[in-house]
Protein backbone atom coordinates (compact mmCIF):
# COMPACT_ATOMS: atom_id res chain seq x y z
CA MET A 1 137.00 -3.85 112.82
CA TYR A 2 138.67 -3.83 116.23
CA LYS A 3 139.52 -7.21 117.76
CA PRO A 4 141.08 -6.98 121.21
CA PHE A 5 143.76 -9.58 121.80
CA ALA A 6 146.22 -10.28 124.58
CA ASN A 7 148.17 -13.36 125.62
CA PHE A 8 148.03 -12.59 129.33
CA PHE A 9 144.28 -11.90 129.84
CA ASN A 10 141.40 -14.17 130.71
CA TYR A 11 138.31 -13.47 128.62
CA LEU A 12 135.04 -13.63 130.55
CA ASP A 13 131.53 -13.59 129.19
CA VAL A 14 128.90 -12.74 131.81
CA ASN A 15 125.43 -13.90 130.82
CA SER A 16 122.32 -12.49 132.47
CA LEU A 17 124.19 -10.09 134.74
CA TYR A 18 121.47 -7.41 134.53
CA PRO A 19 118.59 -9.69 135.66
CA PHE A 20 120.78 -11.04 138.47
CA ALA A 21 121.66 -7.51 139.65
CA SER A 22 118.04 -6.34 139.46
CA LEU A 23 116.95 -9.10 141.87
CA ASN A 24 119.26 -7.72 144.58
CA PRO A 25 118.58 -4.59 146.66
CA MET A 26 119.11 -1.48 144.55
CA PRO A 27 120.61 1.78 145.84
CA ALA A 28 118.56 4.95 145.96
CA LEU A 29 115.15 3.31 146.16
CA ASN A 30 114.18 5.54 149.07
CA CYS A 31 114.44 8.89 147.29
CA GLN A 32 112.78 11.92 148.82
CA TRP A 33 111.51 14.91 146.91
CA VAL A 34 112.77 18.14 148.48
CA GLU A 35 111.72 21.60 147.44
CA SER A 36 112.49 25.12 148.59
CA TYR A 37 109.74 27.70 148.84
CA ASN A 38 111.95 30.65 149.83
CA SER A 39 114.28 32.88 147.83
CA GLU A 40 117.51 31.46 149.36
CA GLY A 41 116.91 27.91 148.12
CA LEU A 42 118.21 24.73 149.73
CA ASP A 43 121.56 24.47 151.51
CA LEU A 44 123.87 22.95 148.87
CA SER A 45 126.51 21.84 151.38
CA ASN A 46 124.16 19.27 152.93
CA LEU A 47 122.83 17.81 149.68
CA PHE A 48 123.97 15.00 147.34
CA LYS A 49 121.64 14.08 144.53
CA VAL A 50 120.27 15.67 141.37
CA PHE A 51 118.69 19.12 141.63
CA HIS A 52 117.02 21.79 139.56
CA ALA A 53 118.82 25.07 140.25
CA LYS A 54 118.91 28.70 139.19
CA VAL A 55 122.42 29.85 138.31
CA GLU A 56 124.07 33.22 137.84
CA THR A 57 127.59 33.02 136.42
CA ASN A 58 130.49 35.32 137.12
CA TYR A 59 131.50 35.51 133.43
CA GLN A 60 134.66 33.41 133.56
CA TYR A 61 136.58 32.43 130.45
CA LEU A 62 134.78 29.04 130.26
CA GLY A 63 131.43 28.13 131.76
CA LEU A 64 131.39 25.40 134.39
CA LEU A 65 127.83 24.11 134.04
CA PRO A 66 126.98 22.50 130.69
CA ILE A 67 123.54 22.67 129.10
CA ARG A 68 122.47 20.35 126.30
CA ASN A 69 120.07 21.60 123.65
CA LYS A 70 119.23 20.69 120.04
CA ASP A 71 122.51 22.30 118.84
CA GLY A 72 124.77 20.37 121.23
CA ILE A 73 126.39 21.15 124.55
CA LEU A 74 126.70 24.79 125.60
CA LEU A 75 128.61 26.41 128.45
CA PRO A 76 126.49 29.56 128.89
CA GLU A 77 127.07 32.77 130.77
CA GLY A 78 124.51 34.91 132.56
CA LYS A 79 121.38 33.66 134.33
CA PHE A 80 119.78 30.31 133.53
CA GLU A 81 118.28 27.27 135.21
CA LYS A 82 118.58 23.55 134.56
CA VAL A 83 119.18 20.21 136.31
CA TRP A 84 122.66 19.17 137.55
CA ALA A 85 124.20 16.81 140.07
CA THR A 86 125.39 18.38 143.30
CA PRO A 87 129.15 17.89 142.66
CA GLU A 88 128.81 20.09 139.55
CA LEU A 89 126.87 22.70 141.46
CA LYS A 90 129.38 22.69 144.34
CA LEU A 91 132.28 23.18 141.91
CA ALA A 92 130.55 26.11 140.26
CA LYS A 93 129.72 27.67 143.64
CA ALA A 94 133.36 27.31 144.73
CA HIS A 95 134.37 29.29 141.63
CA GLY A 96 132.03 32.20 142.38
CA TYR A 97 128.73 31.20 140.75
CA LYS A 98 125.52 32.16 142.56
CA ILE A 99 123.51 28.95 142.95
CA THR A 100 119.92 28.71 144.17
CA VAL A 101 118.79 25.08 144.49
CA ILE A 102 115.05 24.89 143.93
CA LYS A 103 114.02 21.24 144.03
CA GLY A 104 115.15 17.70 143.31
CA PHE A 105 115.68 14.18 144.61
């Protein structure tokens, strides 16, 4: 069993922090659904949220966009689609991936 101990720390126990926080204004309550109906997709440079995207890799040594399935986490190559946050998509695009953002919040 791990028991943290230090002589120079103050130990704090915060009771009911979650109910207190939920009574205050929450971020991202005004989400908008955006969707692309054309083959180019949405402009990734102007977006920051979570999006469903089609991806085509450039067959690097390691994949940049992880996918979780029943076997664990995979870093696939080729063409696939899934949901990622925009920083992950922007990183992959900067490294040569072809990204088509379809829809998201």
